Amino acid sequence: MDPKNFEMLSKVEAEHFWFVARNELIVGLIDKFFPGARRFLEIGCGNGAVLSAVARSRDWERLVGSELHPSGLAYARQRMPTGVEFVQMDARNIPAVGVFDLTGAFDVIEHIADDEGVLRGMRAATRTGGGIIIAVPQHPWLWSHADDIAYHQRRYRRGELEAKLRHNGFEVLFSTSYTSVLLPLMIVSRLKSRGKGGNDDIEREFTLDPRINGPLTAVLRAEVRLTLAGWRWPAGGSRVVVARAV
């Protein structure tokens, strides 16, 4: 992503419906599938929105956030309790072997041409029997100007991420779409943005009137509760996959 967007995102992540509900989903999946994990590495932690939620969820032995852009790490450090480690790192070159109980990348690997190279590195950094959670944008037919601005390499087809995880040393435990209930609204938004230029569309999307943001937050939180209860959604703006290192 454009490093200039870190400042804008840092102002909205704590309240915006998409980030709030996604954090609850990720933390819930960690608690459900990896209750014993004590060492966690997040690839592409950005401003630290997810890492901050993970840090509050339990007592961790070691928490590490990595990011290519130092401007993101500066915002992340302000959010974190003491003891959280940060490293500026290219996700294709992770200098760790068998260190972590759990690794995660949340809307990160779609930015990288060699996404399987990242998955191989994450497998090497994860101990055998440990876990990985990945979130990515889904459905190539949803491609819009928002993907161009975000420097996305791809939106994933259903089953594509699961196949790549299996090919690189993981066993898939759980996979589902995310932002499924709100998919019709997302389709309308993406169709309206096609053919436009500039960053204004992205800023408008992330700067919502509280009268709109509140109901959308409630809807997505309800979706998250159903997902954590075991519901698997067939379609949605994103896909979240949980896997075990084998």
C-alpha atoms as a PDB file:
ATOM      1  CA  MET A   1       0.000   0.000   0.000  1.00  0.00           C
ATOM      2  CA  ASP A   2       1.001   3.628  -0.321  1.00  0.00           C
ATOM      3  CA  PRO A   3       2.801   4.571   2.936  1.00  0.00           C
ATOM      4  CA  LYS A   4       0.901   7.880   2.859  1.00  0.00           C
ATOM      5  CA  ASN A   5      -2.269   5.974   3.766  1.00  0.00           C
ATOM      6  CA  PHE A   6      -0.931   4.850   7.160  1.00  0.00           C
ATOM      7  CA  GLU A   7      -1.839   8.202   8.732  1.00  0.00           C
ATOM      8  CA  MET A   8      -5.389   8.116   7.351  1.00  0.00           C
ATOM      9  CA  LEU A   9      -5.920   4.505   8.464  1.00  0.00           C
ATOM     10  CA  SER A  10      -4.523   5.162  11.933  1.00  0.00           C
ATOM     11  CA  LYS A  11      -7.387   7.615  12.516  1.00  0.00           C
ATOM     12  CA  VAL A  12     -10.214   5.266  11.509  1.00  0.00           C
ATOM     13  CA  GLU A  13      -9.156   1.687  12.352  1.00  0.00           C
ATOM     14  CA  ALA A  14     -10.337   1.824  15.962  1.00  0.00           C
ATOM     15  CA  GLU A  15     -13.951   2.629  14.981  1.00  0.00           C
ATOM     16  CA  HIS A  16     -14.499   1.629  11.346  1.00  0.00           C
ATOM     17  CA  PHE A  17     -16.914  -1.318  11.055  1.00  0.00           C
ATOM     18  CA  TRP A  18     -14.673  -3.388   8.780  1.00  0.00           C
ATOM     19  CA  PHE A  19     -11.595  -3.224  11.023  1.00  0.00           C
ATOM     20  CA  VAL A  20     -13.508  -3.616  14.292  1.00  0.00           C
ATOM     21  CA  ALA A  21     -15.337  -6.766  13.203  1.00  0.00           C
ATOM     22  CA  ARG A  22     -12.292  -8.236  11.457  1.00  0.00           C
ATOM     23  CA  ASN A  23     -10.230  -7.882  14.636  1.00  0.00           C
ATOM     24  CA  GLU A  24     -12.933  -9.702  16.593  1.00  0.00           C
ATOM     25  CA  LEU A  25     -12.970 -12.480  13.999  1.00  0.00           C
ATOM     26  CA  ILE A  26      -9.191 -12.920  14.035  1.00  0.00           C
ATOM     27  CA  VAL A  27      -8.948 -12.942  17.824  1.00  0.00           C
ATOM     28  CA  GLY A  28     -11.887 -15.352  18.017  1.00  0.00           C
ATOM     29  CA  LEU A  29     -10.247 -17.727  15.531  1.00  0.00           C
ATOM     30  CA  ILE A  30      -6.976 -17.615  17.487  1.00  0.00           C
ATOM     31  CA  ASP A  31      -8.825 -18.465  20.705  1.00  0.00           C
ATOM     32  CA  LYS A  32     -10.823 -21.244  19.027  1.00  0.00           C
ATOM     33  CA  PHE A  33      -8.082 -23.016  17.087  1.00  0.00           C
ATOM     34  CA  PHE A  34      -4.874 -22.102  18.917  1.00  0.00           C
ATOM     35  CA  PRO A  35      -5.698 -21.588  22.596  1.00  0.00           C
ATOM     36  CA  GLY A  36      -2.205 -22.654  23.653  1.00  0.00           C
ATOM     37  CA  ALA A  37      -0.261 -20.348  21.332  1.00  0.00           C
ATOM     38  CA  ARG A  38       2.123 -18.053  23.176  1.00  0.00           C
ATOM     39  CA  ARG A  39       4.455 -16.772  20.438  1.00  0.00           C
ATOM     40  CA  PHE A  40       2.916 -14.850  17.536  1.00  0.00           C
ATOM     41  CA  LEU A  41       4.352 -13.170  14.447  1.00  0.00           C
ATOM     42  CA  GLU A  42       2.255 -10.875  12.288  1.00  0.00           C
ATOM     43  CA  ILE A  43       3.475 -10.248   8.754  1.00  0.00           C
ATOM     44  CA  GLY A  44       2.641  -6.764   7.486  1.00  0.00           C
ATOM     45  CA  CYS A  45       1.288  -5.400  10.750  1.00  0.00           C
ATOM     46  CA  GLY A  46       0.769  -1.908   9.320  1.00  0.00           C
ATOM     47  CA  ASN A  47      -0.374   0.471  12.054  1.00  0.00           C
ATOM     48  CA  GLY A  48      -0.751  -2.406  14.504  1.00  0.00           C
ATOM     49  CA  ALA A  49      -4.570  -2.562  14.580  1.00  0.00           C
ATOM     50  CA  VAL A  50      -4.704  -6.369  14.593  1.00  0.00           C
ATOM     51  CA  LEU A  51      -1.583  -6.819  16.704  1.00  0.00           C
ATOM     52  CA  SER A  52      -3.021  -4.513  19.357  1.00  0.00           C
ATOM     53  CA  ALA A  53      -6.208  -6.592  19.567  1.00  0.00           C
ATOM     54  CA  VAL A  54      -4.182  -9.815  19.713  1.00  0.00           C
ATOM     55  CA  ALA A  55      -1.962  -8.369  22.465  1.00  0.00           C
ATOM     56  CA  ARG A  56      -5.023  -7.682  24.624  1.00  0.00           C
ATOM     57  CA  SER A  57      -6.514 -11.144  24.099  1.00  0.00           C
ATOM     58  CA  ARG A  58      -4.173 -13.159  26.380  1.00  0.00           C
ATOM     59  CA  ASP A  59      -0.765 -13.220  28.052  1.00  0.00           C
ATOM     60  CA  TRP A  60       1.769 -13.752  25.288  1.00  0.00           C
ATOM     61  CA  GLU A  61       5.329 -14.912  25.748  1.00  0.00           C
ATOM     62  CA  ARG A  62       6.415 -13.157  22.569  1.00  0.00           C
ATOM     63  CA  LEU A  63       4.648 -10.840  20.119  1.00  0.00           C
ATOM     64  CA  VAL A  64       6.372  -9.628  16.957  1.00  0.00           C
ATOM     65  CA  GLY A  65       5.019  -7.278  14.309  1.00  0.00           C
ATOM     66  CA  SER A  66       6.790  -6.915  10.979  1.00  0.00           C
ATOM     67  CA  GLU A  67       6.238  -4.304   8.290  1.00  0.00           C
ATOM     68  CA  LEU A  68       8.053  -3.243   5.133  1.00  0.00           C
ATOM     69  CA  HIS A  69       7.316   0.458   5.646  1.00  0.00           C
ATOM     70  CA  PRO A  70       8.855   2.129   8.732  1.00  0.00           C
ATOM     71  CA  SER A  71       6.048   4.714   8.846  1.00  0.00           C
ATOM     72  CA  GLY A  72       3.584   1.954   9.709  1.00  0.00           C
ATOM     73  CA  LEU A  73       5.837   0.665  12.467  1.00  0.00           C
ATOM     74  CA  ALA A  74       5.998   4.152  14.000  1.00  0.00           C
ATOM     75  CA  TYR A  75       2.203   4.196  14.421  1.00  0.00           C
ATOM     76  CA  ALA A  76       2.148   0.576  15.608  1.00  0.00           C
ATOM     77  CA  ARG A  77       4.687   1.204  18.362  1.00  0.00           C
ATOM     78  CA  GLN A  78       2.492   3.953  19.816  1.00  0.00           C
ATOM     79  CA  ARG A  79      -0.381   1.485  20.232  1.00  0.00           C
ATOM     80  CA  MET A  80       1.478  -1.386  21.824  1.00  0.00           C
ATOM     81  CA  PRO A  81       2.344  -2.245  25.407  1.00  0.00           C
ATOM     82  CA  THR A  82       6.001  -2.550  26.271  1.00  0.00           C
ATOM     83  CA  GLY A  83       7.619  -5.807  25.306  1.00  0.00           C
ATOM     84  CA  VAL A  84       6.099  -6.100  21.823  1.00  0.00           C
ATOM     85  CA  GLU A  85       8.852  -6.428  19.223  1.00  0.00           C
ATOM     86  CA  PHE A  86       8.905  -4.763  15.808  1.00  0.00           C
ATOM     87  CA  VAL A  87      11.036  -5.437  12.774  1.00  0.00           C
ATOM     88  CA  GLN A  88      11.230  -3.811   9.349  1.00  0.00           C
ATOM     89  CA  MET A  89      11.212  -6.797   7.022  1.00  0.00           C
ATOM     90  CA  ASP A  90      10.379  -7.944   3.521  1.00  0.00           C
ATOM     91  CA  ALA A  91       7.766 -10.695   3.908  1.00  0.00           C
ATOM     92  CA  ARG A  92       9.579 -12.750   1.275  1.00  0.00           C
ATOM     93  CA  ASN A  93      12.619 -13.041   3.533  1.00  0.00           C
ATOM     94  CA  ILE A  94      11.628 -13.971   7.101  1.00  0.00           C
ATOM     95  CA  PRO A  95      14.745 -14.558   9.248  1.00  0.00           C
ATOM     96  CA  ALA A  96      13.213 -17.117  11.626  1.00  0.00           C
ATOM     97  CA  VAL A  97      12.952 -20.925  11.685  1.00  0.00           C
ATOM     98  CA  GLY A  98      10.524 -22.799  13.933  1.00  0.00           C
ATOM     99  CA  VAL A  99      10.220 -19.888  16.360  1.00  0.00           C
ATOM    100  CA  PHE A 100       6.495 -19.109  16.475  1.00  0.00           C
ATOM    101  CA  ASP A 101       3.401 -21.008  17.608  1.00  0.00           C
ATOM    102  CA  LEU A 102       1.274 -18.894  15.295  1.00  0.00           C
ATOM    103  CA  THR A 103       1.877 -16.619  12.324  1.00  0.00           C
ATOM    104  CA  GLY A 104      -0.601 -14.370  10.569  1.00  0.00           C
ATOM    105  CA  ALA A 105      -0.969 -12.062   7.575  1.00  0.00           C
ATOM    106  CA  PHE A 106      -4.144 -10.036   7.278  1.00  0.00           C
ATOM    107  CA  ASP A 107      -4.761  -8.415   3.896  1.00  0.00           C
ATOM    108  CA  VAL A 108      -1.059  -8.517   3.096  1.00  0.00           C
ATOM    109  CA  ILE A 109      -0.058 -11.288   0.679  1.00  0.00           C
ATOM    110  CA  GLU A 110      -2.345 -10.026  -2.092  1.00  0.00           C
ATOM    111  CA  HIS A 111       0.128  -7.144  -2.429  1.00  0.00           C
ATOM    112  CA  ILE A 112       3.026  -9.493  -3.203  1.00  0.00           C
ATOM    113  CA  ALA A 113       3.596 -11.146  -6.578  1.00  0.00           C
ATOM    114  CA  ASP A 114       5.324 -14.159  -5.006  1.00  0.00           C
ATOM    115  CA  ASP A 115       2.649 -14.913  -2.416  1.00  0.00           C
ATOM    116  CA  GLU A 116       3.768 -18.543  -2.172  1.00  0.00           C
ATOM    117  CA  GLY A 117       7.248 -17.349  -1.277  1.00  0.00           C
ATOM    118  CA  VAL A 118       5.702 -15.566   1.698  1.00  0.00           C
ATOM    119  CA  LEU A 119       3.756 -18.690   2.694  1.00  0.00           C
ATOM    120  CA  ARG A 120       6.953 -20.759   2.528  1.00  0.00           C
ATOM    121  CA  GLY A 121       8.692 -18.265   4.782  1.00  0.00           C
ATOM    122  CA  MET A 122       5.788 -18.293   7.225  1.00  0.00           C
ATOM    123  CA  ARG A 123       5.855 -22.099   7.266  1.00  0.00           C
ATOM    124  CA  ALA A 124       9.569 -22.033   8.085  1.00  0.00           C
ATOM    125  CA  ALA A 125       8.994 -19.528  10.898  1.00  0.00           C
ATOM    126  CA  THR A 126       6.135 -21.618  12.367  1.00  0.00           C
ATOM    127  CA  ARG A 127       6.888 -24.660  14.475  1.00  0.00           C
ATOM    128  CA  THR A 128       5.432 -27.957  13.284  1.00  0.00           C
ATOM    129  CA  GLY A 129       1.983 -28.280  14.818  1.00  0.00           C
ATOM    130  CA  GLY A 130       1.678 -24.518  15.089  1.00  0.00           C
ATOM    131  CA  GLY A 131      -0.790 -22.445  13.131  1.00  0.00           C
ATOM    132  CA  ILE A 132      -1.313 -19.791  10.519  1.00  0.00           C
ATOM    133  CA  ILE A 133      -4.245 -17.467   9.821  1.00  0.00           C
ATOM    134  CA  ILE A 134      -4.451 -15.604   6.516  1.00  0.00           C
ATOM    135  CA  ALA A 135      -7.004 -13.038   5.340  1.00  0.00           C
ATOM    136  CA  VAL A 136      -7.149 -11.881   1.718  1.00  0.00           C
ATOM    137  CA  PRO A 137      -9.533 -10.039  -0.610  1.00  0.00           C
ATOM    138  CA  GLN A 138     -11.705 -12.441  -2.590  1.00  0.00           C
ATOM    139  CA  HIS A 139     -13.384 -12.751  -6.016  1.00  0.00           C
ATOM    140  CA  PRO A 140     -11.532 -11.376  -9.068  1.00  0.00           C
ATOM    141  CA  TRP A 141     -14.860 -10.087 -10.414  1.00  0.00           C
ATOM    142  CA  LEU A 142     -14.898  -7.572  -7.544  1.00  0.00           C
ATOM    143  CA  TRP A 143     -11.731  -5.908  -8.881  1.00  0.00           C
ATOM    144  CA  SER A 144     -12.082  -2.129  -8.875  1.00  0.00           C
ATOM    145  CA  HIS A 145     -10.131   1.105  -8.620  1.00  0.00           C
ATOM    146  CA  ALA A 146      -9.768   0.409  -4.885  1.00  0.00           C
ATOM    147  CA  ASP A 147      -7.579  -2.602  -5.724  1.00  0.00           C
ATOM    148  CA  ASP A 148      -5.458  -0.514  -8.098  1.00  0.00           C
ATOM    149  CA  ILE A 149      -4.868   2.152  -5.452  1.00  0.00           C
ATOM    150  CA  ALA A 150      -3.967  -0.514  -2.892  1.00  0.00           C
ATOM    151  CA  TYR A 151      -1.408  -2.042  -5.306  1.00  0.00           C
ATOM    152  CA  HIS A 152      -3.094  -5.422  -5.161  1.00  0.00           C
ATOM    153  CA  GLN A 153      -1.590  -8.166  -7.317  1.00  0.00           C
ATOM    154  CA  ARG A 154      -4.759 -10.242  -7.165  1.00  0.00           C
ATOM    155  CA  ARG A 155      -8.089 -10.959  -5.562  1.00  0.00           C
ATOM    156  CA  TYR A 156      -8.255 -14.663  -4.693  1.00  0.00           C
ATOM    157  CA  ARG A 157     -10.551 -17.197  -6.281  1.00  0.00           C
ATOM    158  CA  ARG A 158     -12.400 -19.519  -3.938  1.00  0.00           C
ATOM    159  CA  GLY A 159     -10.063 -22.422  -3.126  1.00  0.00           C
ATOM    160  CA  GLU A 160      -6.922 -20.679  -4.427  1.00  0.00           C
ATOM    161  CA  LEU A 161      -5.468 -19.708  -1.051  1.00  0.00           C
ATOM    162  CA  GLU A 162      -6.302 -23.096   0.453  1.00  0.00           C
ATOM    163  CA  ALA A 163      -4.444 -24.853  -2.385  1.00  0.00           C
ATOM    164  CA  LYS A 164      -1.396 -22.631  -1.935  1.00  0.00           C
ATOM    165  CA  LEU A 165      -1.342 -23.283   1.802  1.00  0.00           C
ATOM    166  CA  ARG A 166      -1.480 -27.046   1.258  1.00  0.00           C
ATOM    167  CA  HIS A 167       1.288 -26.794  -1.346  1.00  0.00           C
ATOM    168  CA  ASN A 168       3.538 -25.028   1.159  1.00  0.00           C
ATOM    169  CA  GLY A 169       3.301 -27.248   4.217  1.00  0.00           C
ATOM    170  CA  PHE A 170      -0.052 -26.509   5.859  1.00  0.00           C
ATOM    171  CA  GLU A 171      -3.219 -28.459   6.584  1.00  0.00           C
ATOM    172  CA  VAL A 172      -6.362 -26.345   6.226  1.00  0.00           C
ATOM    173  CA  LEU A 173      -8.555 -26.421   9.355  1.00  0.00           C
ATOM    174  CA  PHE A 174     -11.177 -23.807   8.560  1.00  0.00           C
ATOM    175  CA  SER A 175     -11.992 -21.536   5.638  1.00  0.00           C
ATOM    176  CA  THR A 176     -14.775 -19.059   5.090  1.00  0.00           C
ATOM    177  CA  SER A 177     -15.722 -15.877   3.305  1.00  0.00           C
ATOM    178  CA  TYR A 178     -15.911 -12.643   5.303  1.00  0.00           C
ATOM    179  CA  THR A 179     -18.025  -9.520   4.735  1.00  0.00           C
ATOM    180  CA  SER A 180     -20.659 -11.820   3.305  1.00  0.00           C
ATOM    181  CA  VAL A 181     -23.828 -10.193   4.626  1.00  0.00           C
ATOM    182  CA  LEU A 182     -22.658  -6.822   3.298  1.00  0.00           C
ATOM    183  CA  LEU A 183     -21.487  -8.185  -0.065  1.00  0.00           C
ATOM    184  CA  PRO A 184     -24.355  -6.549  -2.033  1.00  0.00           C
ATOM    185  CA  LEU A 185     -23.346  -3.129  -0.708  1.00  0.00           C
ATOM    186  CA  MET A 186     -19.720  -3.846  -1.541  1.00  0.00           C
ATOM    187  CA  ILE A 187     -20.632  -4.817  -5.107  1.00  0.00           C
ATOM    188  CA  VAL A 188     -22.500  -1.528  -5.602  1.00  0.00           C
ATOM    189  CA  SER A 189     -19.575   0.443  -4.137  1.00  0.00           C
ATOM    190  CA  ARG A 190     -17.026  -1.296  -6.362  1.00  0.00           C
ATOM    191  CA  LEU A 191     -19.100  -0.868  -9.499  1.00  0.00           C
ATOM    192  CA  LYS A 192     -19.470   2.855  -8.814  1.00  0.00           C
ATOM    193  CA  SER A 193     -15.700   3.269  -8.365  1.00  0.00           C
ATOM    194  CA  ARG A 194     -14.693   1.621 -11.643  1.00  0.00           C
ATOM    195  CA  GLY A 195     -13.117   4.014 -14.098  1.00  0.00           C
ATOM    196  CA  LYS A 196     -12.376   6.648 -11.475  1.00  0.00           C
ATOM    197  CA  GLY A 197      -8.979   7.930 -10.408  1.00  0.00           C
ATOM    198  CA  GLY A 198      -7.271   9.326  -7.323  1.00  0.00           C
ATOM    199  CA  ASN A 199      -7.447   8.436  -3.644  1.00  0.00           C
ATOM    200  CA  ASP A 200     -10.732  10.213  -2.887  1.00  0.00           C
ATOM    201  CA  ASP A 201     -12.771   7.012  -3.232  1.00  0.00           C
ATOM    202  CA  ILE A 202     -10.686   5.234  -0.595  1.00  0.00           C
ATOM    203  CA  GLU A 203     -10.847   8.110   1.875  1.00  0.00           C
ATOM    204  CA  ARG A 204     -14.634   8.342   1.492  1.00  0.00           C
ATOM    205  CA  GLU A 205     -14.966   4.594   2.026  1.00  0.00           C
ATOM    206  CA  PHE A 206     -13.002   4.712   5.271  1.00  0.00           C
ATOM    207  CA  THR A 207     -14.545   7.942   6.569  1.00  0.00           C
ATOM    208  CA  LEU A 208     -18.141   7.066   7.412  1.00  0.00           C
ATOM    209  CA  ASP A 209     -20.901   8.935   9.179  1.00  0.00           C
ATOM    210  CA  PRO A 210     -21.383   7.292  12.620  1.00  0.00           C
ATOM    211  CA  ARG A 211     -25.066   6.832  11.762  1.00  0.00           C
ATOM    212  CA  ILE A 212     -23.931   4.490   8.965  1.00  0.00           C
ATOM    213  CA  ASN A 213     -20.874   3.018  10.639  1.00  0.00           C
ATOM    214  CA  GLY A 214     -22.794   1.919  13.750  1.00  0.00           C
ATOM    215  CA  PRO A 215     -25.368  -0.288  11.990  1.00  0.00           C
ATOM    216  CA  LEU A 216     -22.720  -1.751   9.671  1.00  0.00           C
ATOM    217  CA  THR A 217     -20.603  -2.636  12.701  1.00  0.00           C
ATOM    218  CA  ALA A 218     -23.562  -4.411  14.298  1.00  0.00           C
ATOM    219  CA  VAL A 219     -24.269  -6.387  11.112  1.00  0.00           C
ATOM    220  CA  LEU A 220     -20.661  -7.539  10.710  1.00  0.00           C
ATOM    221  CA  ARG A 221     -20.357  -8.418  14.388  1.00  0.00           C
ATOM    222  CA  ALA A 222     -23.390 -10.662  13.997  1.00  0.00           C
ATOM    223  CA  GLU A 223     -21.715 -12.301  11.012  1.00  0.00           C
ATOM    224  CA  VAL A 224     -18.556 -12.835  13.066  1.00  0.00           C
ATOM    225  CA  ARG A 225     -20.517 -14.508  15.863  1.00  0.00           C
ATOM    226  CA  LEU A 226     -22.050 -16.945  13.388  1.00  0.00           C
ATOM    227  CA  THR A 227     -18.662 -17.605  11.797  1.00  0.00           C
ATOM    228  CA  LEU A 228     -17.055 -18.399  15.150  1.00  0.00           C
ATOM    229  CA  ALA A 229     -19.968 -20.752  15.856  1.00  0.00           C
ATOM    230  CA  GLY A 230     -18.913 -22.704  12.756  1.00  0.00           C
ATOM    231  CA  TRP A 231     -20.890 -21.071   9.923  1.00  0.00           C
ATOM    232  CA  ARG A 232     -19.015 -21.004   6.617  1.00  0.00           C
ATOM    233  CA  TRP A 233     -20.085 -18.305   4.173  1.00  0.00           C
ATOM    234  CA  PRO A 234     -19.902 -19.206   0.456  1.00  0.00           C
ATOM    235  CA  ALA A 235     -19.163 -15.703  -0.854  1.00  0.00           C
ATOM    236  CA  GLY A 236     -17.875 -12.419   0.540  1.00  0.00           C
ATOM    237  CA  GLY A 237     -15.470  -9.582  -0.015  1.00  0.00           C
ATOM    238  CA  SER A 238     -12.680 -11.397   1.831  1.00  0.00           C
ATOM    239  CA  ARG A 239     -11.579 -14.935   2.685  1.00  0.00           C
ATOM    240  CA  VAL A 240     -10.098 -16.053   5.995  1.00  0.00           C
ATOM    241  CA  VAL A 241      -8.261 -19.376   6.219  1.00  0.00           C
ATOM    242  CA  VAL A 242      -6.953 -21.138   9.327  1.00  0.00           C
ATOM    243  CA  ALA A 243      -4.322 -23.868   8.876  1.00  0.00           C
ATOM    244  CA  ARG A 244      -1.836 -25.993  10.814  1.00  0.00           C
ATOM    245  CA  ALA A 245       1.856 -26.429   9.974  1.00  0.00           C
ATOM    246  CA  VAL A 246       2.555 -30.092   9.137  1.00  0.00           C
END
